[in-house]
């Protein structure tokens, strides 16, 4: 229940999806440690969003993700 009323179907779906994503993140962190697990979770999310953006033809999102990955690599590769 939220705000004194039952959740709508769309709200339940959104809540269930958020809980599922939290569980996946917690599992990855438990399996790989905090830093690497968070990084793997972030890659998973960007992969999903990137696929959706690619299908929609949103090249700006893909360019932004590629730049962010390059920045992370540059920072940690010496």
N, C-alpha and C. Protein backbone atom coordinates (compact mmCIF):
# COMPACT_ATOMS: atom_id res chain seq x y z
N UNK A 1 0.85 -1.18 0.00
CA UNK A 1 0.00 0.00 0.00
C UNK A 1 0.90 1.24 0.00
N UNK A 2 0.46 2.22 -0.73
CA UNK A 2 1.22 3.45 -0.81
C UNK A 2 0.26 4.62 -0.77
N UNK A 3 0.54 5.57 0.09
CA UNK A 3 -0.29 6.78 0.21
C UNK A 3 -1.73 6.42 0.55
N UNK A 4 -1.93 5.35 1.30
CA UNK A 4 -3.27 5.00 1.75
C UNK A 4 -4.12 4.35 0.69
N UNK A 5 -3.55 3.92 -0.41
CA UNK A 5 -4.33 3.27 -1.46
C UNK A 5 -3.51 2.12 -2.03
N UNK A 6 -4.17 1.16 -2.63
CA UNK A 6 -3.43 0.06 -3.28
C UNK A 6 -2.65 0.59 -4.49
N UNK A 7 -1.54 -0.07 -4.78
CA UNK A 7 -0.75 0.34 -5.94
C UNK A 7 -1.45 -0.05 -7.23
N UNK A 8 -1.28 0.77 -8.24
CA UNK A 8 -1.82 0.42 -9.55
C UNK A 8 -0.93 -0.66 -10.16
N UNK A 9 -1.38 -1.25 -11.24
CA UNK A 9 -0.61 -2.29 -11.91
C UNK A 9 0.74 -1.74 -12.37
N UNK A 10 0.76 -0.55 -12.91
CA UNK A 10 2.01 0.07 -13.37
C UNK A 10 2.95 0.35 -12.20
N UNK A 11 2.40 0.81 -11.08
CA UNK A 11 3.22 1.09 -9.89
C UNK A 11 3.80 -0.20 -9.30
N UNK A 12 2.98 -1.27 -9.29
CA UNK A 12 3.47 -2.57 -8.80
C UNK A 12 4.59 -3.08 -9.69
N UNK A 13 4.41 -2.95 -11.00
CA UNK A 13 5.42 -3.41 -11.95
C UNK A 13 6.73 -2.64 -11.74
N UNK A 14 6.64 -1.33 -11.57
CA UNK A 14 7.82 -0.51 -11.34
C UNK A 14 8.50 -0.88 -10.02
N UNK A 15 7.72 -1.12 -8.98
CA UNK A 15 8.27 -1.49 -7.68
C UNK A 15 8.95 -2.86 -7.75
N UNK A 16 8.31 -3.82 -8.42
CA UNK A 16 8.89 -5.15 -8.56
C UNK A 16 10.19 -5.10 -9.36
N UNK A 17 10.22 -4.29 -10.41
CA UNK A 17 11.43 -4.16 -11.21
C UNK A 17 12.56 -3.56 -10.38
N UNK A 18 12.25 -2.54 -9.57
CA UNK A 18 13.27 -1.91 -8.72
C UNK A 18 13.80 -2.91 -7.69
N UNK A 19 12.91 -3.71 -7.10
CA UNK A 19 13.34 -4.72 -6.13
C UNK A 19 14.22 -5.77 -6.79
N UNK A 20 13.86 -6.18 -7.99
CA UNK A 20 14.64 -7.16 -8.74
C UNK A 20 16.04 -6.61 -9.04
N UNK A 21 16.13 -5.36 -9.47
CA UNK A 21 17.42 -4.74 -9.76
C UNK A 21 18.27 -4.62 -8.50
N UNK A 22 17.65 -4.27 -7.36
CA UNK A 22 18.39 -4.21 -6.09
C UNK A 22 18.96 -5.57 -5.72
N UNK A 23 18.16 -6.62 -5.93
CA UNK A 23 18.62 -7.97 -5.61
C UNK A 23 19.80 -8.35 -6.51
N UNK A 24 19.72 -8.05 -7.78
CA UNK A 24 20.82 -8.36 -8.69
C UNK A 24 22.08 -7.61 -8.27
N UNK A 25 21.94 -6.34 -7.91
CA UNK A 25 23.09 -5.56 -7.47
C UNK A 25 23.70 -6.16 -6.21
N UNK A 26 22.87 -6.51 -5.24
CA UNK A 26 23.37 -7.11 -4.00
C UNK A 26 24.07 -8.43 -4.28
N UNK A 27 23.53 -9.24 -5.19
CA UNK A 27 24.16 -10.52 -5.54
C UNK A 27 25.53 -10.31 -6.18
N UNK A 28 25.61 -9.34 -7.10
CA UNK A 28 26.90 -9.07 -7.75
C UNK A 28 27.92 -8.55 -6.75
N UNK A 29 27.50 -7.70 -5.82
CA UNK A 29 28.41 -7.18 -4.80
C UNK A 29 28.86 -8.31 -3.87
N UNK A 30 27.94 -9.19 -3.50
CA UNK A 30 28.30 -10.32 -2.63
C UNK A 30 29.27 -11.26 -3.33
N UNK A 31 29.10 -11.43 -4.63
CA UNK A 31 29.94 -12.36 -5.38
C UNK A 31 31.31 -11.78 -5.71
N UNK A 32 31.38 -10.49 -6.04
CA UNK A 32 32.62 -9.90 -6.56
C UNK A 32 33.24 -8.83 -5.67
N UNK A 33 32.61 -8.46 -4.58
CA UNK A 33 33.10 -7.38 -3.75
C UNK A 33 32.44 -6.07 -4.14
N UNK A 34 32.57 -5.07 -3.30
CA UNK A 34 31.84 -3.81 -3.48
C UNK A 34 32.17 -3.10 -4.78
N UNK A 35 33.46 -2.86 -5.04
CA UNK A 35 33.84 -2.08 -6.22
C UNK A 35 33.55 -2.81 -7.52
N UNK A 36 34.03 -4.04 -7.63
CA UNK A 36 33.85 -4.79 -8.87
C UNK A 36 32.38 -5.17 -9.08
N UNK A 37 31.68 -5.51 -8.01
CA UNK A 37 30.26 -5.84 -8.13
C UNK A 37 29.43 -4.64 -8.59
N UNK A 38 29.75 -3.46 -8.06
CA UNK A 38 29.05 -2.25 -8.49
C UNK A 38 29.36 -1.95 -9.95
N UNK A 39 30.62 -2.15 -10.34
CA UNK A 39 31.01 -1.92 -11.73
C UNK A 39 30.28 -2.89 -12.67
N UNK A 40 30.21 -4.17 -12.29
CA UNK A 40 29.48 -5.14 -13.11
C UNK A 40 28.00 -4.78 -13.20
N UNK A 41 27.43 -4.32 -12.11
CA UNK A 41 26.03 -3.91 -12.13
C UNK A 41 25.84 -2.72 -13.07
N UNK A 42 26.76 -1.76 -12.99
CA UNK A 42 26.69 -0.59 -13.86
C UNK A 42 26.80 -1.00 -15.31
N UNK A 43 27.70 -1.93 -15.63
CA UNK A 43 27.82 -2.43 -17.00
C UNK A 43 26.54 -3.11 -17.46
N UNK A 44 25.92 -3.85 -16.57
CA UNK A 44 24.66 -4.53 -16.90
C UNK A 44 23.58 -3.51 -17.26
N UNK A 45 23.45 -2.49 -16.44
CA UNK A 45 22.44 -1.47 -16.69
C UNK A 45 22.73 -0.71 -17.98
N UNK A 46 23.99 -0.33 -18.19
CA UNK A 46 24.31 0.40 -19.43
C UNK A 46 24.13 -0.48 -20.65
N UNK A 47 24.37 -1.77 -20.52
CA UNK A 47 24.13 -2.68 -21.64
C UNK A 47 22.65 -2.71 -21.99
N UNK A 48 21.81 -2.82 -20.97
CA UNK A 48 20.36 -2.85 -21.20
C UNK A 48 19.89 -1.53 -21.81
N UNK A 49 20.28 -0.42 -21.19
CA UNK A 49 19.86 0.89 -21.69
C UNK A 49 20.46 1.19 -23.07
N UNK A 50 21.69 0.74 -23.29
CA UNK A 50 22.33 0.94 -24.60
C UNK A 50 21.61 0.19 -25.70
N UNK A 51 21.19 -1.04 -25.40
CA UNK A 51 20.43 -1.82 -26.39
C UNK A 51 19.12 -1.13 -26.71
N UNK A 52 18.44 -0.62 -25.67
CA UNK A 52 17.19 0.10 -25.90
C UNK A 52 17.43 1.37 -26.72
N UNK A 53 18.51 2.10 -26.39
CA UNK A 53 18.82 3.33 -27.11
C UNK A 53 19.18 3.01 -28.56
N UNK A 54 19.93 1.94 -28.79
CA UNK A 54 20.29 1.53 -30.14
C UNK A 54 19.06 1.23 -30.97
N UNK A 55 18.12 0.51 -30.37
CA UNK A 55 16.88 0.19 -31.08
C UNK A 55 16.07 1.43 -31.40
N UNK A 56 16.15 2.43 -30.49
CA UNK A 56 15.42 3.68 -30.70
C UNK A 56 16.19 4.65 -31.59
N UNK A 57 17.46 4.33 -31.91
CA UNK A 57 18.27 5.19 -32.76
C UNK A 57 18.89 6.36 -32.01
N UNK A 58 19.00 6.26 -30.68
CA UNK A 58 19.56 7.34 -29.86
C UNK A 58 21.08 7.18 -29.76
N UNK A 59 21.80 7.75 -30.72
CA UNK A 59 23.25 7.60 -30.75
C UNK A 59 23.94 8.45 -29.68
N UNK A 60 23.29 9.50 -29.21
CA UNK A 60 23.89 10.36 -28.19
C UNK A 60 24.12 9.58 -26.89
N UNK A 61 23.16 8.75 -26.50
CA UNK A 61 23.32 7.95 -25.28
C UNK A 61 24.50 7.00 -25.42
N UNK A 62 24.58 6.33 -26.55
CA UNK A 62 25.67 5.37 -26.77
C UNK A 62 27.01 6.08 -26.76
N UNK A 63 27.09 7.25 -27.35
CA UNK A 63 28.32 8.05 -27.36
C UNK A 63 28.70 8.45 -25.94
N UNK A 64 27.73 8.85 -25.13
CA UNK A 64 27.99 9.23 -23.73
C UNK A 64 28.51 8.05 -22.92
N UNK A 65 27.92 6.87 -23.12
CA UNK A 65 28.37 5.68 -22.40
C UNK A 65 29.78 5.30 -22.83
N UNK A 66 30.07 5.37 -24.12
CA UNK A 66 31.41 5.05 -24.61
C UNK A 66 32.44 6.01 -24.01
N UNK A 67 32.11 7.28 -23.93
CA UNK A 67 33.02 8.27 -23.34
C UNK A 67 33.22 7.99 -21.85
N UNK A 68 32.16 7.64 -21.14
CA UNK A 68 32.28 7.34 -19.71
C UNK A 68 33.16 6.11 -19.49
N UNK A 69 32.97 5.06 -20.30
CA UNK A 69 33.81 3.87 -20.18
C UNK A 69 35.28 4.19 -20.48
N UNK A 70 35.51 5.00 -21.49
CA UNK A 70 36.89 5.40 -21.81
C UNK A 70 37.51 6.18 -20.66
N UNK A 71 36.74 7.05 -20.03
CA UNK A 71 37.26 7.82 -18.89
C UNK A 71 37.61 6.91 -17.71
N UNK A 72 36.76 5.93 -17.43
CA UNK A 72 37.03 4.98 -16.34
C UNK A 72 38.30 4.18 -16.68
N UNK A 73 38.39 3.72 -17.91
CA UNK A 73 39.57 2.95 -18.32
C UNK A 73 40.83 3.79 -18.20
N UNK A 74 40.77 5.03 -18.67
CA UNK A 74 41.95 5.92 -18.63
C UNK A 74 42.39 6.19 -17.19
N UNK A 75 41.45 6.37 -16.31
CA UNK A 75 41.73 6.66 -14.92
C UNK A 75 42.40 5.49 -14.21
N UNK A 76 42.01 4.27 -14.58
CA UNK A 76 42.48 3.10 -13.84
C UNK A 76 43.56 2.30 -14.56
N UNK A 77 43.91 2.66 -15.77
CA UNK A 77 44.91 1.89 -16.49
C UNK A 77 46.28 2.52 -16.44
N UNK A 78 46.39 3.67 -15.79
CA UNK A 78 47.70 4.28 -15.57
C UNK A 78 48.06 5.15 -16.67
